[in-house]
């Protein structure tokens, strides 16, 4: 289990919320997303995705990787789902807000996000090296048990990349859990 070493966030269900202030000046802003003394998780890789309005990515996860998730630009709706405790959490991460908010997602918690603005830059630190989609868990992006309640008004169904085939064709949470319990 990862423990916060400083009082910089709050523990909320299965995810850790890390809330840092931003410093603003005439040139722009500067802020910290991660310091090694923030938590006991060690990170080995950073990944960034750029998405356009309405794009949904996920639900993905695995049984070993911590992910520290931040929005660097634009606004995203992040939904996480703890597969062991059936807990759904929802967050709005706004890269242009006056505070820098990150969510530490532990292993065995699925995550998905939707870009709510013209474009978004989603940043996440990984505690394990990313290898391939086949090494990750996937659950259908619109699973009825998770009920993510995506903003359907902004999904561009005419844009072929709005939702990947992987996310559209992923199994339901119920089917995923049946397979998970067999392993």
N, C-alpha and C. Protein backbone atom coordinates (compact mmCIF):
# COMPACT_ATOMS: atom_id res chain seq x y z
N UNK A 1 0.84 -1.18 0.00
CA UNK A 1 0.00 0.00 0.00
C UNK A 1 0.89 1.24 0.00
N UNK A 2 0.46 2.27 -0.71
CA UNK A 2 1.21 3.52 -0.78
C UNK A 2 0.70 4.46 0.29
N UNK A 3 1.61 5.09 1.00
CA UNK A 3 1.23 6.03 2.04
C UNK A 3 1.77 7.41 1.69
N UNK A 4 0.99 8.41 1.96
CA UNK A 4 1.42 9.78 1.76
C UNK A 4 2.41 10.15 2.85
N UNK A 5 3.53 10.73 2.48
CA UNK A 5 4.55 11.08 3.47
C UNK A 5 4.36 12.48 4.03
N UNK A 6 3.64 13.33 3.32
CA UNK A 6 3.36 14.69 3.80
C UNK A 6 1.87 14.92 3.73
N UNK A 7 1.40 15.87 4.47
CA UNK A 7 -0.02 16.18 4.42
C UNK A 7 -0.24 17.09 3.21
N UNK A 8 -0.39 16.48 2.05
CA UNK A 8 -0.59 17.25 0.82
C UNK A 8 -1.83 16.81 0.07
N UNK A 9 -2.51 15.84 0.58
CA UNK A 9 -3.70 15.36 -0.11
C UNK A 9 -4.59 14.65 0.87
N UNK A 10 -5.64 14.05 0.36
CA UNK A 10 -6.54 13.29 1.20
C UNK A 10 -6.73 11.92 0.60
N UNK A 11 -6.94 10.93 1.45
CA UNK A 11 -7.22 9.60 0.97
C UNK A 11 -8.71 9.52 0.70
N UNK A 12 -9.09 9.20 -0.52
CA UNK A 12 -10.50 9.13 -0.88
C UNK A 12 -10.75 7.78 -1.52
N UNK A 13 -11.45 6.92 -0.80
CA UNK A 13 -11.74 5.57 -1.24
C UNK A 13 -10.43 4.86 -1.58
N UNK A 14 -10.27 4.41 -2.83
CA UNK A 14 -9.09 3.64 -3.17
C UNK A 14 -8.00 4.48 -3.84
N UNK A 15 -8.29 5.73 -4.13
CA UNK A 15 -7.34 6.60 -4.81
C UNK A 15 -6.84 7.68 -3.86
N UNK A 16 -5.65 8.15 -4.12
CA UNK A 16 -5.07 9.23 -3.33
C UNK A 16 -5.13 10.50 -4.17
N UNK A 17 -5.67 11.56 -3.61
CA UNK A 17 -5.75 12.84 -4.29
C UNK A 17 -4.58 13.69 -3.82
N UNK A 18 -3.79 14.18 -4.74
CA UNK A 18 -2.65 15.04 -4.41
C UNK A 18 -2.96 16.42 -4.96
N UNK A 19 -3.01 17.38 -4.08
CA UNK A 19 -3.44 18.74 -4.40
C UNK A 19 -2.27 19.68 -4.13
N UNK A 20 -1.68 20.23 -5.18
CA UNK A 20 -0.56 21.16 -5.05
C UNK A 20 -0.95 22.53 -5.60
N UNK A 21 -0.40 23.55 -5.02
CA UNK A 21 -0.69 24.89 -5.52
C UNK A 21 0.19 25.19 -6.73
N UNK A 22 -0.26 26.13 -7.54
CA UNK A 22 0.50 26.60 -8.69
C UNK A 22 0.98 28.02 -8.38
N UNK A 23 2.14 28.35 -8.90
CA UNK A 23 2.65 29.71 -8.78
C UNK A 23 2.43 30.40 -10.12
N UNK A 24 1.71 31.51 -10.10
CA UNK A 24 1.44 32.26 -11.32
C UNK A 24 2.25 33.55 -11.33
N UNK A 25 2.69 33.92 -12.51
CA UNK A 25 3.44 35.16 -12.72
C UNK A 25 3.16 35.62 -14.14
N UNK A 26 3.78 36.74 -14.52
CA UNK A 26 3.53 37.30 -15.86
C UNK A 26 3.89 36.34 -16.99
N UNK A 27 4.88 35.51 -16.76
CA UNK A 27 5.32 34.58 -17.82
C UNK A 27 4.43 33.35 -17.94
N UNK A 28 3.61 33.07 -16.92
CA UNK A 28 2.77 31.88 -16.93
C UNK A 28 2.68 31.29 -15.54
N UNK A 29 2.92 30.00 -15.42
CA UNK A 29 2.83 29.33 -14.11
C UNK A 29 3.88 28.24 -13.99
N UNK A 30 4.13 27.85 -12.75
CA UNK A 30 5.03 26.74 -12.47
C UNK A 30 4.44 25.97 -11.28
N UNK A 31 4.54 24.65 -11.35
CA UNK A 31 4.00 23.83 -10.28
C UNK A 31 4.63 22.44 -10.31
N UNK A 32 4.48 21.75 -9.20
CA UNK A 32 5.03 20.41 -9.06
C UNK A 32 3.91 19.39 -9.21
N UNK A 33 4.16 18.34 -9.97
CA UNK A 33 3.22 17.23 -10.07
C UNK A 33 3.67 16.11 -9.14
N UNK A 34 4.98 15.89 -9.05
CA UNK A 34 5.48 14.76 -8.28
C UNK A 34 6.84 15.08 -7.67
N UNK A 35 6.98 14.67 -6.42
CA UNK A 35 8.28 14.64 -5.74
C UNK A 35 8.39 13.25 -5.11
N UNK A 36 9.58 12.72 -5.05
CA UNK A 36 9.78 11.37 -4.52
C UNK A 36 9.32 11.23 -3.08
N UNK A 37 9.30 12.33 -2.32
CA UNK A 37 8.87 12.24 -0.93
C UNK A 37 7.36 12.39 -0.75
N UNK A 38 6.61 12.46 -1.84
CA UNK A 38 5.15 12.58 -1.75
C UNK A 38 4.48 11.27 -1.37
N UNK A 39 5.01 10.17 -1.85
CA UNK A 39 4.38 8.87 -1.59
C UNK A 39 5.44 7.79 -1.74
N UNK A 40 5.10 6.60 -1.33
CA UNK A 40 6.05 5.49 -1.37
C UNK A 40 6.12 4.79 -2.72
N UNK A 41 5.29 5.17 -3.67
CA UNK A 41 5.35 4.56 -5.00
C UNK A 41 6.57 5.10 -5.74
N UNK A 42 7.25 4.21 -6.44
CA UNK A 42 8.37 4.60 -7.30
C UNK A 42 7.90 4.52 -8.74
N UNK A 43 8.29 5.49 -9.53
CA UNK A 43 7.84 5.54 -10.92
C UNK A 43 9.00 5.33 -11.87
N UNK A 44 8.75 4.61 -12.96
CA UNK A 44 9.80 4.28 -13.92
C UNK A 44 9.54 4.83 -15.32
N UNK A 45 8.31 5.31 -15.56
CA UNK A 45 7.98 5.76 -16.91
C UNK A 45 6.88 6.81 -16.85
N UNK A 46 6.99 7.80 -17.74
CA UNK A 46 5.94 8.80 -17.91
C UNK A 46 5.32 8.61 -19.28
N UNK A 47 4.01 8.78 -19.36
CA UNK A 47 3.30 8.71 -20.64
C UNK A 47 2.40 9.93 -20.74
N UNK A 48 2.22 10.40 -21.95
CA UNK A 48 1.36 11.54 -22.23
C UNK A 48 0.45 11.18 -23.39
N UNK A 49 -0.83 11.53 -23.25
CA UNK A 49 -1.73 11.41 -24.39
C UNK A 49 -2.32 12.78 -24.66
N UNK A 50 -2.50 13.08 -25.93
CA UNK A 50 -3.22 14.28 -26.33
C UNK A 50 -4.51 13.80 -26.95
N UNK A 51 -5.61 14.36 -26.50
CA UNK A 51 -6.92 13.96 -27.02
C UNK A 51 -7.70 15.20 -27.42
N UNK A 52 -8.70 14.97 -28.24
CA UNK A 52 -9.59 16.04 -28.69
C UNK A 52 -10.94 15.91 -28.01
N UNK A 53 -11.70 16.95 -28.04
CA UNK A 53 -12.98 17.01 -27.34
C UNK A 53 -13.84 15.78 -27.61
N UNK A 54 -14.35 15.19 -26.54
CA UNK A 54 -15.23 14.03 -26.63
C UNK A 54 -14.53 12.69 -26.61
N UNK A 55 -13.23 12.65 -26.91
CA UNK A 55 -12.50 11.39 -26.95
C UNK A 55 -12.54 10.72 -25.58
N UNK A 56 -12.78 9.40 -25.59
CA UNK A 56 -12.78 8.59 -24.37
C UNK A 56 -11.68 7.55 -24.51
N UNK A 57 -10.89 7.39 -23.47
CA UNK A 57 -9.83 6.36 -23.42
C UNK A 57 -10.04 5.52 -22.17
N UNK A 58 -10.15 4.20 -22.35
CA UNK A 58 -10.28 3.30 -21.21
C UNK A 58 -11.60 2.55 -21.25
N UNK A 59 -11.74 1.71 -20.32
CA UNK A 59 -11.18 1.46 -19.00
C UNK A 59 -9.99 0.50 -19.11
N UNK A 60 -8.87 0.86 -18.47
CA UNK A 60 -7.67 0.04 -18.49
C UNK A 60 -7.09 -0.05 -17.07
N UNK A 61 -6.28 -1.06 -16.86
CA UNK A 61 -5.59 -1.23 -15.59
C UNK A 61 -4.84 -2.53 -15.57
N UNK A 62 -4.27 -2.88 -14.43
CA UNK A 62 -3.61 -4.17 -14.24
C UNK A 62 -3.48 -4.44 -12.75
N UNK A 63 -2.79 -5.50 -12.41
CA UNK A 63 -2.71 -5.88 -10.99
C UNK A 63 -1.41 -5.47 -10.31
N UNK A 64 -0.59 -4.61 -10.98
CA UNK A 64 0.70 -4.27 -10.37
C UNK A 64 1.11 -2.81 -10.49
N UNK A 65 0.44 -2.02 -11.33
CA UNK A 65 0.92 -0.68 -11.65
C UNK A 65 0.17 0.43 -10.92
N UNK A 66 0.94 1.29 -10.24
CA UNK A 66 0.41 2.55 -9.74
C UNK A 66 0.53 3.56 -10.88
N UNK A 67 -0.48 4.43 -11.00
CA UNK A 67 -0.44 5.50 -11.99
C UNK A 67 -0.77 6.81 -11.30
N UNK A 68 0.10 7.78 -11.48
CA UNK A 68 -0.16 9.13 -10.98
C UNK A 68 -0.66 9.95 -12.16
N UNK A 69 -1.93 10.33 -12.12
CA UNK A 69 -2.60 10.93 -13.27
C UNK A 69 -2.82 12.42 -13.05
N UNK A 70 -2.46 13.21 -14.07
CA UNK A 70 -2.63 14.67 -14.04
C UNK A 70 -3.11 15.13 -15.41
N UNK A 71 -3.78 16.26 -15.43
CA UNK A 71 -4.15 16.91 -16.69
C UNK A 71 -3.29 18.16 -16.81
N UNK A 72 -2.48 18.22 -17.86
CA UNK A 72 -1.57 19.35 -18.03
C UNK A 72 -2.20 20.52 -18.78
N UNK A 73 -3.17 20.20 -19.64
CA UNK A 73 -3.83 21.23 -20.45
C UNK A 73 -5.25 20.77 -20.74
N UNK A 74 -6.18 21.71 -20.69
CA UNK A 74 -7.57 21.36 -20.93
C UNK A 74 -8.22 20.77 -19.69
N UNK A 75 -9.32 20.09 -19.88
CA UNK A 75 -10.07 19.52 -18.77
C UNK A 75 -10.51 18.11 -19.13
N UNK A 76 -10.32 17.19 -18.17
CA UNK A 76 -10.74 15.81 -18.38
C UNK A 76 -11.67 15.37 -17.25
N UNK A 77 -12.48 14.41 -17.58
CA UNK A 77 -13.29 13.70 -16.57
C UNK A 77 -12.65 12.33 -16.42
N UNK A 78 -12.12 12.06 -15.24
CA UNK A 78 -11.47 10.79 -14.93
C UNK A 78 -12.43 9.95 -14.12
N UNK A 79 -12.60 8.69 -14.54
CA UNK A 79 -13.43 7.75 -13.79
C UNK A 79 -12.56 6.56 -13.44
N UNK A 80 -12.55 6.18 -12.17
CA UNK A 80 -11.80 5.00 -11.73
C UNK A 80 -12.77 3.99 -11.15
N UNK A 81 -12.37 2.72 -11.22
CA UNK A 81 -13.23 1.65 -10.69
C UNK A 81 -12.36 0.59 -10.03
N UNK A 82 -12.54 0.43 -8.74
CA UNK A 82 -11.81 -0.56 -7.95
C UNK A 82 -12.50 -1.91 -8.17
N UNK A 83 -11.82 -2.83 -8.85
CA UNK A 83 -12.43 -4.11 -9.22
C UNK A 83 -12.64 -5.04 -8.03
N UNK A 84 -11.91 -4.83 -6.94
CA UNK A 84 -12.04 -5.70 -5.77
C UNK A 84 -13.17 -5.25 -4.85
N UNK A 85 -13.40 -3.96 -4.78
CA UNK A 85 -14.38 -3.41 -3.84
C UNK A 85 -15.59 -2.79 -4.51
N UNK A 86 -15.62 -2.83 -5.85
CA UNK A 86 -16.74 -2.25 -6.62
C UNK A 86 -17.01 -0.80 -6.23
N UNK A 87 -15.94 0.00 -6.24
CA UNK A 87 -16.05 1.42 -5.91
C UNK A 87 -15.71 2.25 -7.14
N UNK A 88 -16.64 3.09 -7.54
CA UNK A 88 -16.41 4.02 -8.65
C UNK A 88 -16.12 5.40 -8.07
N UNK A 89 -15.13 6.06 -8.62
CA UNK A 89 -14.80 7.44 -8.25
C UNK A 89 -14.74 8.27 -9.52
N UNK A 90 -15.13 9.52 -9.42
CA UNK A 90 -15.11 10.44 -10.56
C UNK A 90 -14.41 11.72 -10.16
N UNK A 91 -13.63 12.27 -11.09
CA UNK A 91 -12.86 13.49 -10.83
C UNK A 91 -12.89 14.36 -12.08
N UNK A 92 -12.88 15.65 -11.88
CA UNK A 92 -12.63 16.59 -12.97
C UNK A 92 -11.22 17.13 -12.73
N UNK A 93 -10.34 16.89 -13.67
CA UNK A 93 -8.97 17.42 -13.60
C UNK A 93 -8.86 18.53 -14.63
N UNK A 94 -8.51 19.71 -14.17
CA UNK A 94 -8.46 20.89 -15.03
C UNK A 94 -7.04 21.43 -15.05
N UNK A 95 -6.36 21.24 -16.17
CA UNK A 95 -4.98 21.67 -16.31
C UNK A 95 -4.80 23.17 -16.24
N UNK A 96 -5.88 23.91 -16.42
CA UNK A 96 -5.81 25.37 -16.41
C UNK A 96 -6.32 25.98 -15.11
N UNK A 97 -6.60 25.13 -14.12
CA UNK A 97 -7.08 25.60 -12.82
C UNK A 97 -5.93 26.22 -12.03
N UNK A 98 -6.27 26.89 -10.94
CA UNK A 98 -5.25 27.52 -10.10
C UNK A 98 -4.53 26.51 -9.22
N UNK A 99 -5.04 25.29 -9.13
CA UNK A 99 -4.39 24.23 -8.36
C UNK A 99 -4.01 23.09 -9.28
N UNK A 100 -2.97 22.39 -8.92
CA UNK A 100 -2.55 21.19 -9.64
C UNK A 100 -3.08 19.99 -8.86
N UNK A 101 -4.04 19.28 -9.42
CA UNK A 101 -4.62 18.12 -8.77
C UNK A 101 -4.22 16.88 -9.54
N UNK A 102 -3.67 15.90 -8.83
CA UNK A 102 -3.30 14.61 -9.42
C UNK A 102 -4.00 13.52 -8.64
N UNK A 103 -4.23 12.40 -9.29
CA UNK A 103 -4.87 11.25 -8.65
C UNK A 103 -3.91 10.07 -8.75
N UNK A 104 -3.58 9.49 -7.61
CA UNK A 104 -2.75 8.29 -7.58
C UNK A 104 -3.69 7.08 -7.62
N UNK A 105 -3.65 6.35 -8.73
CA UNK A 105 -4.52 5.19 -8.94
C UNK A 105 -3.70 3.94 -8.66
N UNK A 106 -4.12 3.14 -7.69
CA UNK A 106 -3.35 1.95 -7.34
C UNK A 106 -3.61 0.78 -8.28
N UNK A 107 -2.82 -0.27 -8.15
CA UNK A 107 -3.10 -1.49 -8.92
C UNK A 107 -4.51 -1.98 -8.63
N UNK A 108 -5.07 -2.69 -9.59
CA UNK A 108 -6.39 -3.31 -9.49
C UNK A 108 -7.52 -2.28 -9.50
N UNK A 109 -7.19 -1.08 -9.98
CA UNK A 109 -8.20 -0.04 -10.17
C UNK A 109 -8.15 0.36 -11.65
N UNK A 110 -9.28 0.22 -12.32
CA UNK A 110 -9.39 0.61 -13.73
C UNK A 110 -9.51 2.12 -13.82
N UNK A 111 -9.06 2.68 -14.94
CA UNK A 111 -9.25 4.11 -15.14
C UNK A 111 -9.61 4.39 -16.58
N UNK A 112 -10.41 5.43 -16.77
CA UNK A 112 -10.80 5.90 -18.10
C UNK A 112 -10.99 7.41 -17.99
N UNK A 113 -10.84 8.09 -19.12
CA UNK A 113 -11.06 9.53 -19.08
C UNK A 113 -11.65 10.01 -20.39
N UNK A 114 -12.34 11.17 -20.29
CA UNK A 114 -12.92 11.83 -21.45
C UNK A 114 -12.41 13.26 -21.49
N UNK A 115 -12.01 13.69 -22.68
CA UNK A 115 -11.58 15.08 -22.88
C UNK A 115 -12.82 15.96 -22.97
N UNK A 116 -12.89 16.99 -22.13
CA UNK A 116 -14.06 17.86 -22.06
C UNK A 116 -13.87 19.20 -22.76
N UNK A 117 -12.65 19.47 -23.21
CA UNK A 117 -12.36 20.74 -23.87
C UNK A 117 -11.84 20.47 -25.28
N UNK A 118 -11.57 21.51 -26.04
CA UNK A 118 -11.13 21.36 -27.43
C UNK A 118 -10.00 20.36 -27.56
N UNK A 119 -9.05 20.42 -26.64
CA UNK A 119 -7.98 19.41 -26.59
C UNK A 119 -7.51 19.29 -25.14
N UNK A 120 -6.88 18.16 -24.84
CA UNK A 120 -6.41 17.87 -23.49
C UNK A 120 -5.05 17.19 -23.57
N UNK A 121 -4.24 17.45 -22.58
CA UNK A 121 -2.99 16.71 -22.42
C UNK A 121 -3.05 16.01 -21.08
N UNK A 122 -3.05 14.68 -21.15
CA UNK A 122 -3.20 13.79 -20.01
C UNK A 122 -1.82 13.20 -19.72
N UNK A 123 -1.35 13.37 -18.49
CA UNK A 123 -0.01 12.90 -18.11
C UNK A 123 -0.16 11.86 -17.03
N UNK A 124 0.56 10.74 -17.19
CA UNK A 124 0.58 9.79 -16.11
C UNK A 124 1.93 9.15 -15.94
N UNK A 125 2.30 8.99 -14.66
CA UNK A 125 3.53 8.33 -14.28
C UNK A 125 3.18 6.88 -13.96
N UNK A 126 4.02 5.96 -14.37
CA UNK A 126 3.78 4.53 -14.17
C UNK A 126 4.83 3.94 -13.24
N UNK A 127 4.39 3.08 -12.33
CA UNK A 127 5.33 2.41 -11.44
C UNK A 127 5.96 1.18 -12.09
N UNK A 128 5.40 0.73 -13.21
CA UNK A 128 5.91 -0.40 -13.98
C UNK A 128 6.04 0.06 -15.43
N UNK A 129 6.93 -0.57 -16.18
CA UNK A 129 7.06 -0.23 -17.59
C UNK A 129 5.84 -0.71 -18.37
N UNK A 130 5.36 0.15 -19.25
CA UNK A 130 4.26 -0.23 -20.14
C UNK A 130 4.85 -1.16 -21.20
N UNK A 131 4.19 -2.27 -21.43
CA UNK A 131 4.68 -3.21 -22.44
C UNK A 131 3.76 -3.27 -23.65
N UNK A 132 2.48 -3.55 -23.44
CA UNK A 132 1.55 -3.61 -24.57
C UNK A 132 0.11 -3.65 -24.05
N UNK A 133 -0.86 -3.37 -24.92
CA UNK A 133 -2.27 -3.47 -24.49
C UNK A 133 -2.64 -4.89 -24.02
N UNK A 134 -1.99 -5.89 -24.56
CA UNK A 134 -2.30 -7.27 -24.18
C UNK A 134 -1.93 -7.56 -22.73
N UNK A 135 -1.03 -6.78 -22.16
CA UNK A 135 -0.63 -6.98 -20.78
C UNK A 135 -1.48 -6.17 -19.79
N UNK A 136 -2.46 -5.47 -20.33
CA UNK A 136 -3.34 -4.67 -19.49
C UNK A 136 -4.74 -5.26 -19.47
N UNK A 137 -5.47 -4.94 -18.43
CA UNK A 137 -6.89 -5.26 -18.37
C UNK A 137 -7.65 -4.21 -19.17
N UNK A 138 -8.71 -4.62 -19.81
CA UNK A 138 -9.60 -3.69 -20.51
C UNK A 138 -11.04 -4.07 -20.22
N UNK A 139 -11.84 -3.07 -19.96
CA UNK A 139 -13.28 -3.22 -19.77
C UNK A 139 -13.95 -2.20 -20.68
N UNK A 140 -15.09 -2.55 -21.22
CA UNK A 140 -15.80 -1.69 -22.16
C UNK A 140 -15.94 -0.28 -21.60
N UNK A 141 -15.68 0.70 -22.45
CA UNK A 141 -15.66 2.11 -22.06
C UNK A 141 -17.00 2.59 -21.49
N UNK A 142 -18.09 1.92 -21.83
CA UNK A 142 -19.41 2.37 -21.42
C UNK A 142 -20.14 1.27 -20.64
N UNK A 143 -19.38 0.53 -19.84
CA UNK A 143 -19.93 -0.61 -19.12
C UNK A 143 -21.12 -0.19 -18.24
N UNK A 144 -22.19 -0.96 -18.32
CA UNK A 144 -23.40 -0.60 -17.58
C UNK A 144 -23.26 -0.75 -16.07
N UNK A 145 -22.40 -1.66 -15.60
CA UNK A 145 -22.20 -1.80 -14.15
C UNK A 145 -21.38 -0.63 -13.59
N UNK A 146 -20.38 -0.19 -14.33
CA UNK A 146 -19.60 0.98 -13.90
C UNK A 146 -20.43 2.25 -14.09
N UNK A 147 -21.19 2.30 -15.16
CA UNK A 147 -22.06 3.44 -15.47
C UNK A 147 -21.28 4.76 -15.43
N UNK A 148 -20.34 4.95 -16.35
CA UNK A 148 -19.49 6.14 -16.30
C UNK A 148 -20.20 7.46 -16.64
N UNK A 149 -21.36 7.40 -17.25
CA UNK A 149 -22.12 8.61 -17.56
C UNK A 149 -21.29 9.64 -18.34
N UNK A 150 -20.69 9.19 -19.44
CA UNK A 150 -19.91 10.09 -20.28
C UNK A 150 -20.79 11.20 -20.84
N UNK A 151 -20.19 12.32 -21.15
CA UNK A 151 -20.90 13.42 -21.78
C UNK A 151 -21.08 13.07 -23.26
N UNK A 152 -22.24 12.54 -23.60
CA UNK A 152 -22.47 12.07 -24.98
C UNK A 152 -22.70 13.23 -25.95
N UNK A 153 -22.98 14.42 -25.43
CA UNK A 153 -23.19 15.58 -26.31
C UNK A 153 -21.91 16.00 -27.03
N UNK A 154 -20.75 15.63 -26.49
CA UNK A 154 -19.50 16.07 -27.12
C UNK A 154 -18.75 14.94 -27.82
N UNK A 155 -19.27 13.71 -27.78
CA UNK A 155 -18.60 12.61 -28.49
C UNK A 155 -18.87 12.77 -29.98
N UNK A 156 -17.81 12.81 -30.75
CA UNK A 156 -17.93 12.92 -32.20
C UNK A 156 -17.88 11.53 -32.79
N UNK A 157 -19.05 10.92 -32.94
CA UNK A 157 -19.12 9.56 -33.47
C UNK A 157 -18.66 9.50 -34.92
N UNK A 158 -18.65 10.65 -35.62
CA UNK A 158 -18.16 10.69 -37.00
C UNK A 158 -16.63 10.69 -37.05
N UNK A 159 -15.99 10.92 -35.91
CA UNK A 159 -14.53 10.92 -35.81
C UNK A 159 -14.11 9.51 -35.42
N UNK A 160 -13.44 8.78 -36.33
CA UNK A 160 -13.17 7.36 -36.07
C UNK A 160 -12.31 7.09 -34.83
N UNK A 161 -11.56 8.07 -34.35
CA UNK A 161 -10.70 7.84 -33.20
C UNK A 161 -11.32 8.26 -31.88
N UNK A 162 -12.58 8.68 -31.86
CA UNK A 162 -13.20 9.16 -30.63
C UNK A 162 -13.18 8.08 -29.55
N UNK A 163 -13.41 6.84 -29.95
CA UNK A 163 -13.35 5.70 -29.03
C UNK A 163 -12.66 4.57 -29.80
N UNK A 164 -11.59 4.05 -29.25
CA UNK A 164 -10.82 3.02 -29.97
C UNK A 164 -11.60 1.71 -30.07
N UNK A 165 -11.24 0.91 -31.06
CA UNK A 165 -11.84 -0.43 -31.19
C UNK A 165 -11.59 -1.25 -29.94
N UNK A 166 -10.39 -1.10 -29.38
CA UNK A 166 -10.06 -1.83 -28.15
C UNK A 166 -11.06 -1.52 -27.04
N UNK A 167 -11.39 -0.23 -26.87
CA UNK A 167 -12.29 0.18 -25.80
C UNK A 167 -13.75 -0.15 -26.11
N UNK A 168 -14.13 -0.09 -27.39
CA UNK A 168 -15.50 -0.45 -27.78
C UNK A 168 -15.75 -1.94 -27.63
N UNK A 169 -14.73 -2.74 -27.97
CA UNK A 169 -14.91 -4.19 -28.02
C UNK A 169 -14.43 -4.92 -26.77
N UNK A 170 -14.00 -4.19 -25.77
CA UNK A 170 -13.54 -4.81 -24.52
C UNK A 170 -14.72 -5.50 -23.83
N UNK A 171 -14.44 -6.51 -23.01
CA UNK A 171 -15.52 -7.22 -22.34
C UNK A 171 -16.23 -6.35 -21.29
N UNK A 172 -17.40 -6.78 -20.91
CA UNK A 172 -18.12 -6.11 -19.82
C UNK A 172 -17.37 -6.35 -18.52
N UNK A 173 -17.69 -5.57 -17.50
CA UNK A 173 -17.08 -5.76 -16.19
C UNK A 173 -17.41 -7.16 -15.66
N UNK A 174 -18.65 -7.60 -15.84
CA UNK A 174 -19.04 -8.93 -15.36
C UNK A 174 -18.20 -10.02 -16.01
N UNK A 175 -18.04 -9.95 -17.33
CA UNK A 175 -17.24 -10.97 -18.04
C UNK A 175 -15.77 -10.87 -17.65
N UNK A 176 -15.27 -9.65 -17.51
CA UNK A 176 -13.88 -9.46 -17.08
C UNK A 176 -13.65 -10.09 -15.72
N UNK A 177 -14.56 -9.85 -14.78
CA UNK A 177 -14.39 -10.39 -13.43
C UNK A 177 -14.46 -11.92 -13.41
N UNK A 178 -15.27 -12.50 -14.29
CA UNK A 178 -15.31 -13.97 -14.38
C UNK A 178 -13.94 -14.49 -14.79
N UNK A 179 -13.31 -13.87 -15.77
CA UNK A 179 -11.97 -14.27 -16.22
C UNK A 179 -10.94 -13.99 -15.14
N UNK A 180 -11.05 -12.85 -14.47
CA UNK A 180 -10.10 -12.48 -13.43
C UNK A 180 -10.13 -13.48 -12.29
N UNK A 181 -11.31 -13.94 -11.92
CA UNK A 181 -11.44 -14.89 -10.82
C UNK A 181 -10.90 -16.27 -11.17
N UNK A 182 -10.78 -16.58 -12.45
CA UNK A 182 -10.23 -17.88 -12.88
C UNK A 182 -8.71 -17.91 -12.79
N UNK A 183 -8.07 -16.74 -12.80
CA UNK A 183 -6.60 -16.70 -12.80
C UNK A 183 -6.02 -16.68 -11.42
